[in-house]
């Protein structure tokens, strides 16, 4: 439900801040950058890149990840 996105993300942020381990699949990249310890980027069922958020967003290694980030940032 698009109207509940912020509410859901706030609850997930609280859980992460409390130390709960979560595996989360999301298209909300700003949320992932803020909350994740590790980001995994997949394309067509294949793991393309795995990195801490800052490395993922500032110096992606894979050309596919670079192309993805160029489109969304």
Protein backbone atom coordinates (compact mmCIF):
# COMPACT_ATOMS: atom_id res chain seq x y z
CA UNK A 1 0.00 0.00 0.00
CA UNK A 2 1.76 3.17 -1.18
CA UNK A 3 0.19 5.24 1.59
CA UNK A 4 1.79 3.05 4.25
CA UNK A 5 5.35 2.99 2.87
CA UNK A 6 6.73 5.50 5.37
CA UNK A 7 5.05 3.76 8.29
CA UNK A 8 6.43 0.36 7.26
CA UNK A 9 9.93 1.75 6.69
CA UNK A 10 9.86 3.49 10.08
CA UNK A 11 8.98 0.22 11.83
CA UNK A 12 11.74 -1.61 9.95
CA UNK A 13 14.23 1.12 10.87
CA UNK A 14 13.27 0.79 14.54
CA UNK A 15 13.77 -2.98 14.35
CA UNK A 16 17.19 -2.57 12.71
CA UNK A 17 18.20 0.05 15.29
CA UNK A 18 17.22 -2.36 18.07
CA UNK A 19 19.71 -4.90 16.68
CA UNK A 20 17.31 -7.24 14.90
CA UNK A 21 18.85 -9.08 11.99
CA UNK A 22 16.73 -8.78 8.85
CA UNK A 23 16.90 -9.87 5.26
CA UNK A 24 14.98 -7.29 3.28
CA UNK A 25 14.26 -7.07 -0.43
CA UNK A 26 13.48 -3.49 -1.42
CA UNK A 27 13.43 -0.98 -4.24
CA UNK A 28 13.66 1.84 -1.67
CA UNK A 29 17.35 2.56 -2.21
CA UNK A 30 17.56 5.50 0.22
CA UNK A 31 16.15 3.23 2.93
CA UNK A 32 18.63 0.48 2.05
CA UNK A 33 21.51 2.93 2.14
CA UNK A 34 20.46 4.25 5.54
CA UNK A 35 19.68 0.95 7.30
CA UNK A 36 21.66 -1.88 5.68
CA UNK A 37 24.95 -3.31 6.87
CA UNK A 38 25.45 -5.06 3.52
CA UNK A 39 23.76 -4.52 0.17
CA UNK A 40 23.37 -7.31 -2.36
CA UNK A 41 22.50 -6.34 -5.92
CA UNK A 42 20.96 -9.06 -8.05
CA UNK A 43 19.99 -9.12 -11.70
CA UNK A 44 18.13 -11.92 -13.47
CA UNK A 45 18.60 -14.20 -10.47
CA UNK A 46 22.37 -13.69 -10.28
CA UNK A 47 24.30 -11.99 -7.50
CA UNK A 48 26.05 -9.07 -9.21
CA UNK A 49 27.56 -7.16 -6.30
CA UNK A 50 27.77 -7.34 -2.51
CA UNK A 51 29.19 -4.44 -0.48
CA UNK A 52 28.66 -2.16 2.49
CA UNK A 53 26.22 0.65 1.58
CA UNK A 54 28.81 3.43 1.24
CA UNK A 55 31.03 1.35 -1.06
CA UNK A 56 28.01 0.14 -3.03
CA UNK A 57 26.81 3.68 -3.74
CA UNK A 58 30.13 5.50 -4.13
CA UNK A 59 32.37 2.99 -5.92
CA UNK A 60 30.40 0.09 -7.37
CA UNK A 61 32.62 -2.52 -8.99
CA UNK A 62 30.24 -4.10 -11.51
CA UNK A 63 29.35 -2.31 -14.75
CA UNK A 64 25.76 -3.53 -14.23
CA UNK A 65 25.62 -1.93 -10.76
CA UNK A 66 27.12 1.25 -12.17
CA UNK A 67 24.44 1.40 -14.87
CA UNK A 68 21.68 0.78 -12.34
CA UNK A 69 22.90 3.52 -10.01
CA UNK A 70 23.33 5.96 -12.89
CA UNK A 71 19.62 5.55 -13.64
CA UNK A 72 18.32 5.98 -10.10
CA UNK A 73 20.66 8.55 -8.54
